């Protein structure tokens, strides 16, 4: 079995890129190895899994991001149909509410709201709105929060956090995770817990449905790695 570094010998980077000289994030690496192009939405990865993977990649610091190379084979062929996608989305909502959002509340000095959160929002991220409003209020009273960060956070809440129906869309996941990441800036000593939680969430969602069913053709992968190196 090949090591993660031999499967992808370059550093994983943040965000999407159009050319190898700009690097590649986790999802773009999957796309490059499977299809030979840079896309952060390769067809072989489920929509929910892809949304989680993109944000875990971007929210982790560089030294932790590189460990995500081990997930490259597991992301391939995770498209399983609507019922599995709903199960994955339900898992993500519950995980955020039970594990990650309480970290954001604690960091914002609102830990007293954690039991309430778990009681009223068992499986719908949409119900997090009043608690994110609380975090916004707390952050606005804290001068250490940069104005730009608060603008981003409020835009996430106003534009992307919830929908009219009772089930949040997959893209809502990123809005909530980014909001929690901003809250973690209030208590840096807790941030490693947040990073651990992100990785555990990716592990958990990959346990639902199929994962890594298609074997990577290593001869093809080596050719594409060489092409990536030459283009970079």
Protein backbone atom coordinates (compact mmCIF):
# COMPACT_ATOMS: atom_id res chain seq x y z
CA UNK A 1 0.00 0.00 0.00
CA UNK A 2 1.36 3.40 -0.93
CA UNK A 3 1.88 6.07 1.70
CA UNK A 4 -0.17 9.26 1.51
CA UNK A 5 2.91 11.29 0.60
CA UNK A 6 3.83 8.97 -2.24
CA UNK A 7 0.25 9.12 -3.51
CA UNK A 8 0.45 12.94 -3.51
CA UNK A 9 3.96 14.34 -2.87
CA UNK A 10 2.93 18.01 -2.94
CA UNK A 11 1.51 20.13 -0.13
CA UNK A 12 -2.25 20.49 0.07
CA UNK A 13 -3.25 24.13 -0.25
CA UNK A 14 -6.25 26.25 0.68
CA UNK A 15 -9.06 26.92 -1.77
CA UNK A 16 -9.55 26.12 -5.43
CA UNK A 17 -6.98 26.71 -8.13
CA UNK A 18 -7.03 26.74 -11.91
CA UNK A 19 -3.41 25.76 -12.47
CA UNK A 20 -0.88 23.46 -10.78
CA UNK A 21 1.41 26.42 -10.08
CA UNK A 22 -1.21 27.57 -7.55
CA UNK A 23 -1.26 24.20 -5.81
CA UNK A 24 -4.25 21.95 -5.11
CA UNK A 25 -6.63 21.39 -2.21
CA UNK A 26 -7.81 17.94 -1.13
CA UNK A 27 -10.75 17.81 -3.52
CA UNK A 28 -8.72 19.17 -6.43
CA UNK A 29 -6.14 16.44 -5.85
CA UNK A 30 -8.87 13.80 -6.11
CA UNK A 31 -10.05 15.41 -9.35
CA UNK A 32 -6.52 15.55 -10.75
CA UNK A 33 -5.72 11.92 -9.95
CA UNK A 34 -9.06 10.55 -11.20
CA UNK A 35 -9.86 12.86 -14.13
CA UNK A 36 -6.66 14.78 -14.85
CA UNK A 37 -8.14 18.22 -14.15
CA UNK A 38 -8.37 20.61 -11.22
CA UNK A 39 -11.89 20.82 -9.85
CA UNK A 40 -13.08 21.11 -6.28
CA UNK A 41 -16.27 19.24 -7.21
CA UNK A 42 -15.16 15.98 -8.87
CA UNK A 43 -18.07 13.83 -10.00
CA UNK A 44 -16.80 10.77 -8.10
CA UNK A 45 -17.31 12.47 -4.70
CA UNK A 46 -20.72 12.90 -3.08
CA UNK A 47 -22.07 16.42 -2.66
CA UNK A 48 -22.21 16.19 1.13
CA UNK A 49 -18.83 14.50 1.51
CA UNK A 50 -17.31 17.04 -0.86
CA UNK A 51 -18.75 19.97 1.07
CA UNK A 52 -17.30 18.62 4.31
CA UNK A 53 -13.92 17.80 2.75
CA UNK A 54 -13.55 21.26 1.19
CA UNK A 55 -14.19 23.06 4.45
CA UNK A 56 -12.09 20.74 6.60
CA UNK A 57 -9.23 21.31 4.14
CA UNK A 58 -9.61 25.09 4.26
CA UNK A 59 -10.18 25.47 8.01
CA UNK A 60 -7.26 23.35 9.18
CA UNK A 61 -3.84 24.98 9.55
CA UNK A 62 -1.18 23.91 7.09
CA UNK A 63 0.57 21.45 9.40
CA UNK A 64 -2.70 19.58 10.04
CA UNK A 65 -3.99 19.88 6.48
CA UNK A 66 -1.21 17.66 5.12
CA UNK A 67 -2.52 14.68 7.09
CA UNK A 68 -5.65 14.82 4.90
CA UNK A 69 -3.71 13.18 2.05
CA UNK A 70 -4.60 9.85 3.66
CA UNK A 71 -8.25 10.57 2.81
CA UNK A 72 -7.68 10.85 -0.95
CA UNK A 73 -8.60 7.19 -1.75
CA UNK A 74 -11.53 7.25 0.70
CA UNK A 75 -13.21 10.17 -1.06
CA UNK A 76 -13.43 8.42 -4.43
CA UNK A 77 -16.75 6.86 -5.47
CA UNK A 78 -18.77 8.15 -2.54
CA UNK A 79 -21.87 8.89 -4.65
CA UNK A 80 -24.56 6.59 -3.25
CA UNK A 81 -27.90 8.20 -4.05
CA UNK A 82 -30.32 10.43 -2.19
CA UNK A 83 -31.06 8.24 0.83
CA UNK A 84 -27.37 7.94 1.75
CA UNK A 85 -26.88 11.66 1.15
CA UNK A 86 -29.74 12.42 3.53
CA UNK A 87 -28.19 10.12 6.15
CA UNK A 88 -24.85 11.87 5.74
CA UNK A 89 -26.42 15.30 6.01
CA UNK A 90 -28.30 14.26 9.13
CA UNK A 91 -25.07 12.97 10.68
CA UNK A 92 -23.28 16.24 9.90
CA UNK A 93 -26.07 18.34 11.42
CA UNK A 94 -26.08 16.25 14.58
CA UNK A 95 -22.29 16.25 14.82
CA UNK A 96 -22.07 20.02 14.47
CA UNK A 97 -24.76 20.53 17.11
CA UNK A 98 -23.37 17.96 19.55
CA UNK A 99 -19.63 18.43 19.10
CA UNK A 100 -18.57 21.56 17.21
CA UNK A 101 -21.08 24.30 17.87
CA UNK A 102 -20.72 23.93 21.66
CA UNK A 103 -17.03 24.77 21.21
CA UNK A 104 -18.04 28.02 19.49
CA UNK A 105 -20.49 28.87 22.28
CA UNK A 106 -17.86 28.12 24.92
CA UNK A 107 -15.26 30.25 23.13
CA UNK A 108 -17.75 33.13 23.01
CA UNK A 109 -18.47 32.82 26.74
CA UNK A 110 -21.92 31.40 26.09
CA UNK A 111 -21.38 27.87 27.43
CA UNK A 112 -24.60 28.18 29.48
CA UNK A 113 -26.49 27.89 26.17
CA UNK A 114 -25.03 24.48 25.29
CA UNK A 115 -27.72 22.36 27.04
CA UNK A 116 -30.43 24.53 25.49
CA UNK A 117 -28.87 24.13 22.05
CA UNK A 118 -28.85 20.35 22.33
CA UNK A 119 -32.46 20.30 23.50
CA UNK A 120 -34.00 22.50 20.80
CA UNK A 121 -31.79 21.68 17.80
CA UNK A 122 -31.35 17.92 17.73
CA UNK A 123 -30.87 17.50 14.00
CA UNK A 124 -31.43 20.73 12.08
CA UNK A 125 -28.65 23.25 11.62
CA UNK A 126 -31.36 25.73 10.64
CA UNK A 127 -32.26 26.02 14.32
CA UNK A 128 -28.80 27.35 15.16
CA UNK A 129 -29.73 30.85 14.01
CA UNK A 130 -30.57 32.30 17.45
CA UNK A 131 -27.34 30.91 18.89
CA UNK A 132 -25.22 32.35 16.12
CA UNK A 133 -27.04 35.63 16.75
CA UNK A 134 -25.85 35.34 20.36
CA UNK A 135 -22.27 34.77 19.19
CA UNK A 136 -22.54 37.80 16.91
CA UNK A 137 -23.76 39.90 19.82
CA UNK A 138 -20.95 38.68 22.05
CA UNK A 139 -18.36 39.28 19.36
CA UNK A 140 -19.63 42.78 18.59
CA UNK A 141 -19.03 43.65 22.24
CA UNK A 142 -15.48 42.33 22.05
CA UNK A 143 -13.06 44.85 20.48
CA UNK A 144 -10.57 42.08 19.70
CA UNK A 145 -12.78 40.87 16.86
CA UNK A 146 -11.66 42.45 13.57
CA UNK A 147 -14.36 44.34 11.73
CA UNK A 148 -13.75 42.32 8.59
CA UNK A 149 -14.30 39.05 10.45
CA UNK A 150 -17.59 40.29 11.84
CA UNK A 151 -18.74 41.38 8.40
CA UNK A 152 -18.01 37.91 7.05
CA UNK A 153 -19.80 36.25 9.95
CA UNK A 154 -22.91 38.37 9.61
CA UNK A 155 -23.02 37.81 5.85
CA UNK A 156 -22.87 34.06 6.46
CA UNK A 157 -25.82 34.29 8.79
CA UNK A 158 -27.89 36.58 6.57
CA UNK A 159 -27.17 34.87 3.25
CA UNK A 160 -26.27 31.26 3.77
CA UNK A 161 -27.08 29.80 7.14
CA UNK A 162 -30.70 28.79 6.84
CA UNK A 163 -33.37 28.08 4.26
CA UNK A 164 -37.15 28.30 4.31
CA UNK A 165 -37.74 24.56 4.66
CA UNK A 166 -36.85 22.59 7.77
CA UNK A 167 -33.75 20.99 6.26
CA UNK A 168 -30.63 22.96 5.59
CA UNK A 169 -28.87 22.54 2.27
CA UNK A 170 -25.37 20.98 2.07
CA UNK A 171 -23.77 24.38 1.47
CA UNK A 172 -25.10 25.46 4.86
CA UNK A 173 -22.44 23.23 6.42
CA UNK A 174 -19.65 25.56 5.34
CA UNK A 175 -21.42 28.66 6.61
CA UNK A 176 -21.82 27.16 10.08
CA UNK A 177 -18.27 25.79 10.24
CA UNK A 178 -16.80 29.15 9.24
CA UNK A 179 -18.90 30.85 11.91
CA UNK A 180 -17.61 28.44 14.55
CA UNK A 181 -14.03 28.98 13.35
CA UNK A 182 -14.45 32.73 13.81
CA UNK A 183 -15.80 32.19 17.33
CA UNK A 184 -12.76 30.05 18.19
CA UNK A 185 -10.57 33.13 17.74
CA UNK A 186 -11.94 34.34 21.08
CA UNK A 187 -10.32 31.43 22.92
CA UNK A 188 -7.22 30.20 21.01
CA UNK A 189 -6.39 27.51 23.56
CA UNK A 190 -9.50 25.64 22.43
CA UNK A 191 -8.73 25.68 18.73
CA UNK A 192 -6.98 22.29 18.71
CA UNK A 193 -10.25 20.73 19.89
CA UNK A 194 -11.98 22.33 16.94
CA UNK A 195 -9.38 20.94 14.53
CA UNK A 196 -9.74 17.46 16.03
CA UNK A 197 -13.50 17.76 15.69
CA UNK A 198 -13.28 18.69 12.01
CA UNK A 199 -11.18 15.61 11.23
CA UNK A 200 -13.46 13.35 13.28
CA UNK A 201 -16.44 14.73 11.38
CA UNK A 202 -14.83 13.84 8.04
CA UNK A 203 -14.07 10.37 9.36
CA UNK A 204 -17.64 9.95 10.51
CA UNK A 205 -19.32 11.01 7.29
CA UNK A 206 -17.08 8.64 5.32
CA UNK A 207 -18.34 5.72 7.40
CA UNK A 208 -21.82 6.24 5.92
CA UNK A 209 -22.32 4.60 2.54
CA UNK A 210 -19.50 3.43 0.35
CA UNK A 211 -16.03 4.92 0.41
CA UNK A 212 -12.96 4.35 -1.71
CA UNK A 213 -14.57 1.62 -3.81
CA UNK A 214 -12.59 2.49 -6.95
CA UNK A 215 -8.90 1.69 -6.73
CA UNK A 216 -6.58 4.39 -7.98
CA UNK A 217 -4.62 3.28 -11.03
CA UNK A 218 -1.14 3.96 -9.71
CA UNK A 219 0.46 4.01 -13.16
CA UNK A 220 -1.99 6.70 -14.25
CA UNK A 221 -1.55 8.51 -10.94
CA UNK A 222 2.22 8.60 -11.37
CA UNK A 223 1.83 10.08 -14.85
CA UNK A 224 -0.50 12.76 -13.53
CA UNK A 225 1.77 13.54 -10.60
CA UNK A 226 4.62 14.01 -13.06
CA UNK A 227 2.44 16.24 -15.25
CA UNK A 228 1.46 18.29 -12.18
CA UNK A 229 5.11 18.71 -11.20
CA UNK A 230 6.08 19.83 -14.70
CA UNK A 231 3.20 22.31 -14.91
CA UNK A 232 3.93 23.73 -11.47
